Amino acid sequence: MDGQILSVEHIFDVLTAPERRAVLYVLCKRENTMSVDDLSSYVASDEIDFIQDSSEQIATSLHHLHLPKLEQFSLVEYDRDSNTVTANGLPRRLKRYLQITAADEMEACSEDATTSERTA
């Protein structure tokens, strides 16, 4: 599949899983190759509040499900031998949707934190 031409259906398929969105958020900020362990740690970090799994759980789901799916759409290169991931250039259309979901999720996290502070 050409990584530069994604249908809206494929974009929604990619963005449906919060783990895949988180991976794309992290990889968009970095231009270099990352180990799956480092990527899992970033996804599990406090910076990404909408994923509650441990780094180990995330690494397992990335390896078996999410990185192969992202690779299927040519969005990442996943080297299973070296256990590394490199982002390919993301299509403009996907970036647009990713920016919208990122803004929405970060706003929701902020609202949740504010609500929690008020009720405490």
Protein backbone atom coordinates (compact mmCIF):
# COMPACT_ATOMS: atom_id res chain seq x y z
CA MET A 1 0.00 0.00 0.00
CA ASP A 2 1.23 3.47 -0.85
CA GLY A 3 1.90 5.19 2.48
CA GLN A 4 1.02 8.57 1.01
CA ILE A 5 -2.52 7.73 -0.08
CA LEU A 6 -4.82 6.66 2.73
CA SER A 7 -8.57 6.56 2.45
CA VAL A 8 -10.65 8.04 5.23
CA GLU A 9 -11.67 4.49 6.16
CA HIS A 10 -8.00 3.49 6.56
CA ILE A 11 -7.28 6.62 8.60
CA PHE A 12 -10.11 5.81 10.98
CA ASP A 13 -8.92 2.19 11.15
CA VAL A 14 -5.46 3.42 12.17
CA LEU A 15 -6.76 6.01 14.64
CA THR A 16 -9.37 3.77 16.28
CA ALA A 17 -6.88 2.28 18.74
CA PRO A 18 -5.58 4.68 21.39
CA GLU A 19 -2.25 2.84 21.38
CA ARG A 20 -1.75 3.55 17.68
CA ARG A 21 -2.65 7.21 18.15
CA ALA A 22 -0.19 7.43 21.02
CA VAL A 23 2.55 5.81 18.93
CA LEU A 24 1.95 8.31 16.14
CA TYR A 25 1.94 11.23 18.61
CA VAL A 26 5.32 10.12 19.96
CA LEU A 27 6.87 9.34 16.58
CA CYS A 28 5.68 12.66 15.10
CA LYS A 29 7.76 14.47 17.71
CA ARG A 30 10.86 12.42 16.93
CA GLU A 31 12.63 11.95 13.65
CA ASN A 32 14.90 9.12 14.68
CA THR A 33 14.50 5.41 15.21
CA MET A 34 13.26 4.31 18.63
CA SER A 35 13.41 1.01 20.41
CA VAL A 36 10.04 -0.56 21.12
CA ASP A 37 10.93 -0.44 24.84
CA ASP A 38 11.54 3.33 24.71
CA LEU A 39 8.41 3.85 22.64
CA SER A 40 6.38 1.80 25.14
CA SER A 41 7.75 3.87 28.01
CA TYR A 42 6.72 7.10 26.29
CA VAL A 43 3.25 5.73 25.55
CA ALA A 44 2.87 4.64 29.20
CA SER A 45 4.14 7.99 30.52
CA ASP A 46 2.06 10.61 32.27
CA GLU A 47 2.31 12.74 29.15
CA ILE A 48 -0.17 10.39 27.46
CA ASP A 49 -2.92 10.17 30.07
CA PHE A 50 -5.46 8.19 28.08
CA ILE A 51 -3.46 4.92 28.15
CA GLN A 52 -3.47 3.22 31.53
CA ASP A 53 -1.52 0.02 30.75
CA SER A 54 2.01 -0.67 31.98
CA SER A 55 4.98 -0.27 29.70
CA GLU A 56 5.31 -4.07 29.46
CA GLN A 57 1.64 -4.51 28.47
CA ILE A 58 1.99 -1.77 25.89
CA ALA A 59 5.18 -3.30 24.45
CA THR A 60 3.37 -6.62 24.00
CA SER A 61 0.35 -5.06 22.29
CA LEU A 62 2.60 -2.90 20.10
CA HIS A 63 4.63 -5.93 19.00
CA HIS A 64 1.68 -8.20 18.22
CA LEU A 65 -0.98 -5.80 17.02
CA HIS A 66 -0.37 -2.09 16.67
CA LEU A 67 3.04 -1.83 15.00
CA PRO A 68 2.15 -4.46 12.37
CA LYS A 69 -1.05 -2.49 11.63
CA LEU A 70 0.90 0.77 11.27
CA GLU A 71 3.43 -1.03 9.10
CA GLN A 72 0.63 -2.44 6.94
CA PHE A 73 -0.27 1.14 6.00
CA SER A 74 3.42 2.07 5.51
CA LEU A 75 3.30 4.55 8.37
CA VAL A 76 6.23 2.99 10.24
CA GLU A 77 9.09 0.62 9.61
CA TYR A 78 9.12 -2.00 12.32
CA ASP A 79 12.33 -4.03 12.54
CA ARG A 80 11.48 -7.07 14.63
CA ASP A 81 15.11 -8.25 14.71
CA SER A 82 16.45 -5.06 16.26
CA ASN A 83 13.13 -4.28 18.01
CA THR A 84 13.06 -0.74 16.62
CA VAL A 85 10.49 1.52 15.01
CA THR A 86 11.01 4.36 12.56
CA ALA A 87 8.24 6.68 11.39
CA ASN A 88 7.79 7.06 7.68
CA GLY A 89 6.56 10.41 6.45
CA LEU A 90 2.94 10.67 7.49
CA PRO A 91 0.45 11.62 4.80
CA ARG A 92 -0.96 15.13 5.14
CA ARG A 93 -4.51 13.80 5.40
CA LEU A 94 -3.57 11.55 8.34
CA LYS A 95 -1.70 14.39 10.05
CA ARG A 96 -4.84 16.53 9.89
CA TYR A 97 -6.93 13.90 11.65
CA LEU A 98 -4.13 13.14 14.09
CA GLN A 99 -3.88 16.82 15.07
CA ILE A 100 -7.62 16.93 15.71
CA THR A 101 -7.58 13.79 17.86
CA ALA A 102 -4.50 14.99 19.76
CA ALA A 103 -6.09 18.34 20.55
CA ASP A 104 -9.33 16.67 21.58
CA GLU A 105 -7.65 14.06 23.78
CA MET A 106 -5.34 16.53 25.47
CA GLU A 107 -8.29 18.88 26.10
CA ALA A 108 -10.30 15.98 27.57
CA CYS A 109 -7.37 15.06 29.83
CA SER A 110 -7.13 18.66 31.02
CA GLU A 111 -10.87 18.79 31.67
CA ASP A 112 -10.71 15.49 33.59
CA ALA A 113 -7.86 16.82 35.74
CA THR A 114 -9.71 20.07 36.42
CA THR A 115 -12.88 18.19 37.34
CA SER A 116 -10.93 15.89 39.66
CA GLU A 117 -9.31 18.87 41.39
CA ARG A 118 -12.71 20.51 41.96
CA THR A 119 -14.25 17.37 43.44
CA ALA A 120 -11.29 16.64 45.70
